[in-house]
Amino acid sequence: MIQPVHATVAARWTPGQGWRAAAMWGASGVGKSDLALRLIGSGWRLVADDYAHLFLSGGRLFARAPLTIAGRIEVRGVGILPAEALDLAPVVLAVELAHSPVERLPEPEFRTVCGVDLPLLRLDPREASASEKVAAVIARL
């Protein structure tokens, strides 16, 4: 079953493991696309911007963009731009974005999506290091 969600998904190539994606959730305007744009600037690939279709296959969670928005990202103040994108990527991390203080040393948390428990990273996307934090967590998984 495909579940449409209000999230932006970006993936990174990891040698020996292939593409691994982070799904970023948060309120409209919180900075999901902006964080994805920074990740893309450091070598990641867009999977879906703003809306993603999530589904299970072989016990793993995957994401893809709806056809109407595939390969495009909204850049606030600029417009809708083309982006080099992946058709499909396995999601291994959930990122919850909010403009609020983040706990300094949080206990591990998970977000269950389609029956899969994903490690959860809570993050303020306005921090200059936000993209590096997502990359550091994905690298540890």
N, C-alpha and C. Protein backbone atom coordinates (compact mmCIF):
# COMPACT_ATOMS: atom_id res chain seq x y z
N MET A 1 0.84 -1.18 0.00
CA MET A 1 0.00 0.00 0.00
C MET A 1 0.88 1.24 0.00
N ILE A 2 0.59 2.19 -0.87
CA ILE A 2 1.34 3.43 -0.95
C ILE A 2 0.67 4.47 -0.08
N GLN A 3 1.46 5.11 0.79
CA GLN A 3 0.95 6.12 1.68
C GLN A 3 1.51 7.48 1.27
N PRO A 4 0.66 8.42 0.80
CA PRO A 4 1.17 9.75 0.49
C PRO A 4 1.39 10.54 1.79
N VAL A 5 2.51 11.21 1.90
CA VAL A 5 2.82 11.98 3.11
C VAL A 5 3.33 13.36 2.73
N HIS A 6 3.11 14.32 3.63
CA HIS A 6 3.61 15.68 3.45
C HIS A 6 5.04 15.70 4.01
N ALA A 7 6.00 15.37 3.16
CA ALA A 7 7.40 15.29 3.57
C ALA A 7 8.29 15.51 2.35
N THR A 8 9.50 15.91 2.62
CA THR A 8 10.53 16.05 1.60
C THR A 8 11.55 14.95 1.86
N VAL A 9 12.02 14.31 0.79
CA VAL A 9 12.94 13.19 0.94
C VAL A 9 14.18 13.44 0.08
N ALA A 10 15.34 13.25 0.70
CA ALA A 10 16.62 13.36 -0.01
C ALA A 10 17.46 12.14 0.35
N ALA A 11 18.31 11.72 -0.60
CA ALA A 11 19.10 10.50 -0.40
C ALA A 11 20.58 10.75 -0.66
N ARG A 12 21.38 9.94 -0.02
CA ARG A 12 22.83 10.03 -0.13
C ARG A 12 23.37 8.65 -0.49
N TRP A 13 24.37 8.61 -1.36
CA TRP A 13 25.03 7.36 -1.72
C TRP A 13 26.02 7.00 -0.62
N THR A 14 25.93 5.78 -0.14
CA THR A 14 26.86 5.27 0.87
C THR A 14 27.55 4.06 0.29
N PRO A 15 28.88 4.10 0.10
CA PRO A 15 29.58 2.95 -0.46
C PRO A 15 29.28 1.68 0.34
N GLY A 16 29.00 0.61 -0.38
CA GLY A 16 28.70 -0.67 0.25
C GLY A 16 27.26 -0.81 0.69
N GLN A 17 26.50 0.29 0.71
CA GLN A 17 25.10 0.22 1.16
C GLN A 17 24.14 0.81 0.14
N GLY A 18 24.63 1.58 -0.80
CA GLY A 18 23.78 2.18 -1.82
C GLY A 18 23.12 3.46 -1.35
N TRP A 19 22.02 3.82 -2.00
CA TRP A 19 21.29 5.03 -1.65
C TRP A 19 20.53 4.83 -0.35
N ARG A 20 20.58 5.85 0.52
CA ARG A 20 19.87 5.83 1.80
C ARG A 20 19.26 7.20 2.00
N ALA A 21 17.98 7.24 2.31
CA ALA A 21 17.25 8.50 2.33
C ALA A 21 16.81 8.92 3.73
N ALA A 22 16.69 10.24 3.87
CA ALA A 22 16.10 10.86 5.05
C ALA A 22 14.78 11.49 4.61
N ALA A 23 13.71 11.19 5.34
CA ALA A 23 12.41 11.82 5.10
C ALA A 23 12.23 12.91 6.13
N MET A 24 11.98 14.14 5.64
CA MET A 24 11.90 15.31 6.51
C MET A 24 10.46 15.79 6.62
N TRP A 25 9.95 15.77 7.85
CA TRP A 25 8.59 16.19 8.15
C TRP A 25 8.62 17.53 8.87
N GLY A 26 7.53 18.25 8.78
CA GLY A 26 7.39 19.51 9.52
C GLY A 26 6.28 20.34 8.92
N ALA A 27 5.90 21.38 9.64
CA ALA A 27 4.82 22.25 9.19
C ALA A 27 5.21 22.95 7.89
N SER A 28 4.20 23.39 7.17
CA SER A 28 4.43 24.13 5.94
C SER A 28 5.26 25.37 6.25
N GLY A 29 6.31 25.59 5.47
CA GLY A 29 7.17 26.76 5.66
C GLY A 29 8.28 26.59 6.67
N VAL A 30 8.42 25.43 7.29
CA VAL A 30 9.43 25.23 8.32
C VAL A 30 10.84 25.13 7.74
N GLY A 31 10.96 24.72 6.47
CA GLY A 31 12.28 24.64 5.86
C GLY A 31 12.66 23.28 5.31
N LYS A 32 11.68 22.45 5.00
CA LYS A 32 11.97 21.12 4.45
C LYS A 32 12.70 21.23 3.12
N SER A 33 12.18 22.05 2.22
CA SER A 33 12.80 22.20 0.90
C SER A 33 14.15 22.89 1.01
N ASP A 34 14.26 23.87 1.90
CA ASP A 34 15.53 24.58 2.08
C ASP A 34 16.61 23.62 2.57
N LEU A 35 16.27 22.77 3.53
CA LEU A 35 17.25 21.79 4.02
C LEU A 35 17.61 20.81 2.91
N ALA A 36 16.62 20.37 2.14
CA ALA A 36 16.91 19.47 1.01
C ALA A 36 17.83 20.15 0.01
N LEU A 37 17.63 21.42 -0.24
CA LEU A 37 18.48 22.17 -1.17
C LEU A 37 19.93 22.20 -0.67
N ARG A 38 20.12 22.37 0.63
CA ARG A 38 21.48 22.35 1.20
C ARG A 38 22.10 20.95 1.11
N LEU A 39 21.28 19.92 1.34
CA LEU A 39 21.78 18.55 1.20
C LEU A 39 22.18 18.28 -0.25
N ILE A 40 21.35 18.70 -1.19
CA ILE A 40 21.66 18.52 -2.62
C ILE A 40 22.98 19.22 -2.95
N GLY A 41 23.19 20.39 -2.38
CA GLY A 41 24.43 21.13 -2.60
C GLY A 41 25.66 20.41 -2.09
N SER A 42 25.47 19.45 -1.19
CA SER A 42 26.61 18.69 -0.67
C SER A 42 26.65 17.26 -1.21
N GLY A 43 25.97 17.04 -2.36
CA GLY A 43 26.09 15.75 -3.04
C GLY A 43 24.91 14.80 -2.90
N TRP A 44 23.90 15.17 -2.14
CA TRP A 44 22.71 14.33 -2.01
C TRP A 44 21.86 14.47 -3.27
N ARG A 45 20.86 13.61 -3.40
CA ARG A 45 19.90 13.69 -4.51
C ARG A 45 18.50 13.86 -3.95
N LEU A 46 17.71 14.65 -4.62
CA LEU A 46 16.31 14.80 -4.27
C LEU A 46 15.56 13.52 -4.64
N VAL A 47 14.67 13.10 -3.80
CA VAL A 47 13.73 12.02 -4.12
C VAL A 47 12.35 12.64 -4.33
N ALA A 48 11.90 13.44 -3.37
CA ALA A 48 10.59 14.08 -3.47
C ALA A 48 10.59 15.36 -2.64
N ASP A 49 9.98 16.39 -3.17
CA ASP A 49 9.88 17.65 -2.45
C ASP A 49 8.44 17.93 -2.07
N ASP A 50 8.20 18.10 -0.81
CA ASP A 50 6.93 18.49 -0.23
C ASP A 50 5.94 17.34 -0.07
N TYR A 51 5.83 16.47 -1.06
CA TYR A 51 4.97 15.29 -0.93
C TYR A 51 5.74 14.07 -1.44
N ALA A 52 5.57 12.97 -0.74
CA ALA A 52 6.24 11.73 -1.14
C ALA A 52 5.27 10.57 -1.00
N HIS A 53 5.46 9.57 -1.82
CA HIS A 53 4.73 8.31 -1.68
C HIS A 53 5.67 7.34 -0.97
N LEU A 54 5.24 6.82 0.16
CA LEU A 54 6.02 5.86 0.93
C LEU A 54 5.34 4.50 0.84
N PHE A 55 6.17 3.44 0.71
CA PHE A 55 5.61 2.10 0.63
C PHE A 55 6.64 1.08 1.09
N LEU A 56 6.13 -0.08 1.50
CA LEU A 56 6.97 -1.19 1.93
C LEU A 56 7.27 -2.12 0.77
N SER A 57 8.50 -2.60 0.74
CA SER A 57 8.89 -3.64 -0.20
C SER A 57 10.01 -4.44 0.44
N GLY A 58 9.81 -5.73 0.56
CA GLY A 58 10.82 -6.57 1.18
C GLY A 58 11.15 -6.19 2.60
N GLY A 59 10.16 -5.65 3.33
CA GLY A 59 10.38 -5.26 4.71
C GLY A 59 11.07 -3.92 4.88
N ARG A 60 11.36 -3.24 3.78
CA ARG A 60 12.02 -1.93 3.84
C ARG A 60 11.05 -0.85 3.37
N LEU A 61 11.26 0.36 3.89
CA LEU A 61 10.44 1.50 3.52
C LEU A 61 11.11 2.24 2.36
N PHE A 62 10.34 2.54 1.32
CA PHE A 62 10.85 3.26 0.15
C PHE A 62 10.04 4.52 -0.07
N ALA A 63 10.67 5.50 -0.73
CA ALA A 63 10.01 6.75 -1.09
C ALA A 63 10.19 7.02 -2.56
N ARG A 64 9.16 7.65 -3.15
CA ARG A 64 9.26 8.15 -4.52
C ARG A 64 8.36 9.39 -4.59
N ALA A 65 8.62 10.21 -5.59
CA ALA A 65 7.83 11.43 -5.76
C ALA A 65 6.57 11.13 -6.57
N PRO A 66 5.48 11.83 -6.29
CA PRO A 66 4.34 11.77 -7.19
C PRO A 66 4.80 12.25 -8.58
N LEU A 67 4.28 11.64 -9.62
CA LEU A 67 4.72 11.99 -10.98
C LEU A 67 4.61 13.48 -11.30
N THR A 68 3.61 14.14 -10.74
CA THR A 68 3.38 15.55 -11.06
C THR A 68 4.47 16.48 -10.53
N ILE A 69 5.26 16.03 -9.54
CA ILE A 69 6.31 16.89 -8.98
C ILE A 69 7.70 16.26 -9.06
N ALA A 70 7.82 15.12 -9.68
CA ALA A 70 9.12 14.42 -9.75
C ALA A 70 10.17 15.30 -10.42
N GLY A 71 11.36 15.32 -9.83
CA GLY A 71 12.48 16.06 -10.42
C GLY A 71 12.40 17.56 -10.27
N ARG A 72 11.56 18.03 -9.34
CA ARG A 72 11.43 19.47 -9.13
C ARG A 72 11.44 19.79 -7.64
N ILE A 73 11.99 20.97 -7.32
CA ILE A 73 12.04 21.43 -5.93
C ILE A 73 11.61 22.88 -5.87
N GLU A 74 10.86 23.22 -4.83
CA GLU A 74 10.44 24.61 -4.64
C GLU A 74 11.54 25.35 -3.88
N VAL A 75 12.03 26.40 -4.47
CA VAL A 75 13.04 27.23 -3.83
C VAL A 75 12.34 28.55 -3.48
N ARG A 76 12.03 28.71 -2.21
CA ARG A 76 11.25 29.86 -1.76
C ARG A 76 11.92 31.16 -2.20
N GLY A 77 11.14 32.03 -2.80
CA GLY A 77 11.65 33.31 -3.27
C GLY A 77 12.23 33.24 -4.67
N VAL A 78 12.38 32.02 -5.22
CA VAL A 78 12.93 31.85 -6.57
C VAL A 78 11.90 31.19 -7.48
N GLY A 79 11.29 30.10 -7.02
CA GLY A 79 10.29 29.39 -7.81
C GLY A 79 10.53 27.89 -7.80
N ILE A 80 9.87 27.20 -8.72
CA ILE A 80 10.03 25.75 -8.87
C ILE A 80 11.18 25.52 -9.84
N LEU A 81 12.18 24.76 -9.40
CA LEU A 81 13.36 24.51 -10.22
C LEU A 81 13.54 23.02 -10.47
N PRO A 82 14.17 22.66 -11.59
CA PRO A 82 14.49 21.25 -11.81
C PRO A 82 15.62 20.83 -10.86
N ALA A 83 15.60 19.57 -10.48
CA ALA A 83 16.65 19.03 -9.61
C ALA A 83 16.98 17.62 -10.06
N GLU A 84 18.25 17.29 -10.04
CA GLU A 84 18.65 15.91 -10.34
C GLU A 84 18.06 15.04 -9.24
N ALA A 85 17.26 14.08 -9.63
CA ALA A 85 16.50 13.32 -8.64
C ALA A 85 16.60 11.83 -8.87
N LEU A 86 16.36 11.09 -7.80
CA LEU A 86 16.24 9.63 -7.86
C LEU A 86 14.77 9.27 -8.00
N ASP A 87 14.50 8.23 -8.75
CA ASP A 87 13.12 7.76 -8.87
C ASP A 87 12.62 7.12 -7.58
N LEU A 88 13.54 6.53 -6.83
CA LEU A 88 13.18 5.68 -5.70
C LEU A 88 14.37 5.58 -4.76
N ALA A 89 14.11 5.56 -3.45
CA ALA A 89 15.20 5.37 -2.49
C ALA A 89 14.65 4.77 -1.19
N PRO A 90 15.43 3.91 -0.53
CA PRO A 90 15.02 3.39 0.76
C PRO A 90 15.18 4.46 1.85
N VAL A 91 14.16 4.61 2.67
CA VAL A 91 14.18 5.60 3.76
C VAL A 91 14.70 4.92 5.01
N VAL A 92 15.76 5.50 5.60
CA VAL A 92 16.36 4.93 6.81
C VAL A 92 16.34 5.88 8.01
N LEU A 93 15.90 7.14 7.77
CA LEU A 93 15.90 8.14 8.83
C LEU A 93 14.69 9.06 8.70
N ALA A 94 14.05 9.34 9.82
CA ALA A 94 12.99 10.35 9.89
C ALA A 94 13.57 11.59 10.55
N VAL A 95 13.30 12.74 9.97
CA VAL A 95 13.78 14.01 10.53
C VAL A 95 12.56 14.89 10.78
N GLU A 96 12.37 15.30 12.01
CA GLU A 96 11.25 16.18 12.38
C GLU A 96 11.80 17.59 12.53
N LEU A 97 11.31 18.49 11.67
CA LEU A 97 11.80 19.87 11.65
C LEU A 97 10.85 20.79 12.40
N ALA A 98 11.40 21.68 13.21
CA ALA A 98 10.60 22.67 13.93
C ALA A 98 11.50 23.85 14.30
N HIS A 99 10.89 25.01 14.42
CA HIS A 99 11.62 26.21 14.84
C HIS A 99 11.52 26.32 16.36
N SER A 100 12.16 25.38 17.03
CA SER A 100 12.13 25.37 18.49
C SER A 100 13.44 24.76 18.98
N PRO A 101 13.77 25.03 20.25
CA PRO A 101 15.02 24.45 20.77
C PRO A 101 15.01 22.93 20.70
N VAL A 102 16.18 22.38 20.43
CA VAL A 102 16.34 20.94 20.35
C VAL A 102 17.10 20.47 21.58
N GLU A 103 16.67 19.35 22.13
CA GLU A 103 17.33 18.80 23.31
C GLU A 103 18.81 18.55 23.01
N ARG A 104 19.65 18.91 23.95
CA ARG A 104 21.09 18.82 23.75
C ARG A 104 21.57 17.39 23.56
N LEU A 105 21.18 16.49 24.43
CA LEU A 105 21.58 15.08 24.36
C LEU A 105 20.33 14.21 24.46
N PRO A 106 19.59 14.11 23.37
CA PRO A 106 18.31 13.39 23.44
C PRO A 106 18.48 11.88 23.54
N GLU A 107 17.47 11.27 24.15
CA GLU A 107 17.39 9.81 24.15
C GLU A 107 16.98 9.37 22.75
N PRO A 108 17.38 8.17 22.33
CA PRO A 108 16.96 7.70 21.00
C PRO A 108 15.44 7.67 20.88
N GLU A 109 14.95 8.14 19.74
CA GLU A 109 13.52 8.13 19.44
C GLU A 109 13.31 7.49 18.08
N PHE A 110 12.09 7.04 17.84
CA PHE A 110 11.74 6.41 16.57
C PHE A 110 10.40 6.95 16.09
N ARG A 111 10.21 6.91 14.79
CA ARG A 111 8.93 7.25 14.18
C ARG A 111 8.51 6.04 13.36
N THR A 112 7.32 5.53 13.62
CA THR A 112 6.83 4.37 12.90
C THR A 112 6.08 4.82 11.66
N VAL A 113 6.55 4.36 10.51
CA VAL A 113 5.95 4.71 9.22
C VAL A 113 5.71 3.42 8.46
N CYS A 114 4.46 3.17 8.11
CA CYS A 114 4.09 1.94 7.38
C CYS A 114 4.59 0.69 8.11
N GLY A 115 4.60 0.73 9.42
CA GLY A 115 5.04 -0.41 10.21
C GLY A 115 6.54 -0.52 10.41
N VAL A 116 7.31 0.42 9.88
CA VAL A 116 8.77 0.41 10.03
C VAL A 116 9.17 1.47 11.05
N ASP A 117 9.98 1.09 12.04
CA ASP A 117 10.49 2.03 13.02
C ASP A 117 11.75 2.69 12.48
N LEU A 118 11.66 3.99 12.20
CA LEU A 118 12.81 4.75 11.71
C LEU A 118 13.42 5.54 12.85
N PRO A 119 14.76 5.58 12.96
CA PRO A 119 15.37 6.48 13.93
C PRO A 119 14.89 7.91 13.63
N LEU A 120 14.62 8.68 14.70
CA LEU A 120 14.08 10.03 14.55
C LEU A 120 15.10 11.05 15.02
N LEU A 121 15.36 12.03 14.16
CA LEU A 121 16.22 13.17 14.48
C LEU A 121 15.34 14.40 14.54
N ARG A 122 15.33 15.09 15.68
CA ARG A 122 14.60 16.36 15.79
C ARG A 122 15.62 17.47 15.52
N LEU A 123 15.22 18.45 14.71
CA LEU A 123 16.19 19.40 14.20
C LEU A 123 15.53 20.74 13.91
N ASP A 124 16.25 21.82 14.19
CA ASP A 124 15.85 23.15 13.75
C ASP A 124 16.58 23.39 12.44
N PRO A 125 15.86 23.42 11.30
CA PRO A 125 16.54 23.51 10.00
C PRO A 125 17.22 24.84 9.75
N ARG A 126 16.99 25.85 10.60
CA ARG A 126 17.63 27.15 10.41
C ARG A 126 19.09 27.14 10.85
N GLU A 127 19.49 26.14 11.60
CA GLU A 127 20.89 26.06 12.04
C GLU A 127 21.80 25.83 10.83
N ALA A 128 22.92 26.51 10.80
CA ALA A 128 23.86 26.37 9.69
C ALA A 128 24.34 24.94 9.53
N SER A 129 24.41 24.19 10.62
CA SER A 129 24.92 22.83 10.60
C SER A 129 23.84 21.77 10.37
N ALA A 130 22.62 22.18 10.07
CA ALA A 130 21.51 21.22 9.97
C ALA A 130 21.79 20.12 8.95
N SER A 131 22.30 20.47 7.77
CA SER A 131 22.56 19.42 6.77
C SER A 131 23.67 18.49 7.22
N GLU A 132 24.68 19.02 7.88
CA GLU A 132 25.76 18.16 8.38
C GLU A 132 25.27 17.21 9.47
N LYS A 133 24.31 17.67 10.27
CA LYS A 133 23.74 16.80 11.30
C LYS A 133 22.98 15.63 10.68
N VAL A 134 22.19 15.91 9.64
CA VAL A 134 21.47 14.83 8.95
C VAL A 134 22.49 13.84 8.36
N ALA A 135 23.52 14.35 7.72
CA ALA A 135 24.56 13.49 7.11
C ALA A 135 25.27 12.65 8.17
N ALA A 136 25.55 13.24 9.33
CA ALA A 136 26.25 12.52 10.40
C ALA A 136 25.39 11.38 10.95
N VAL A 137 24.10 11.62 11.10
CA VAL A 137 23.21 10.57 11.63
C VAL A 137 23.06 9.45 10.59
N ILE A 138 22.85 9.80 9.33
CA ILE A 138 22.73 8.75 8.27
C ILE A 138 24.00 7.92 8.23
N ALA A 139 25.16 8.54 8.36
CA ALA A 139 26.43 7.81 8.29
C ALA A 139 26.57 6.80 9.42
N ARG A 140 25.94 7.09 10.57
CA ARG A 140 26.02 6.17 11.73
C ARG A 140 25.05 5.02 11.64
N LEU A 141 24.07 5.09 10.78
CA LEU A 141 23.04 4.03 10.72
C LEU A 141 23.54 2.82 9.95
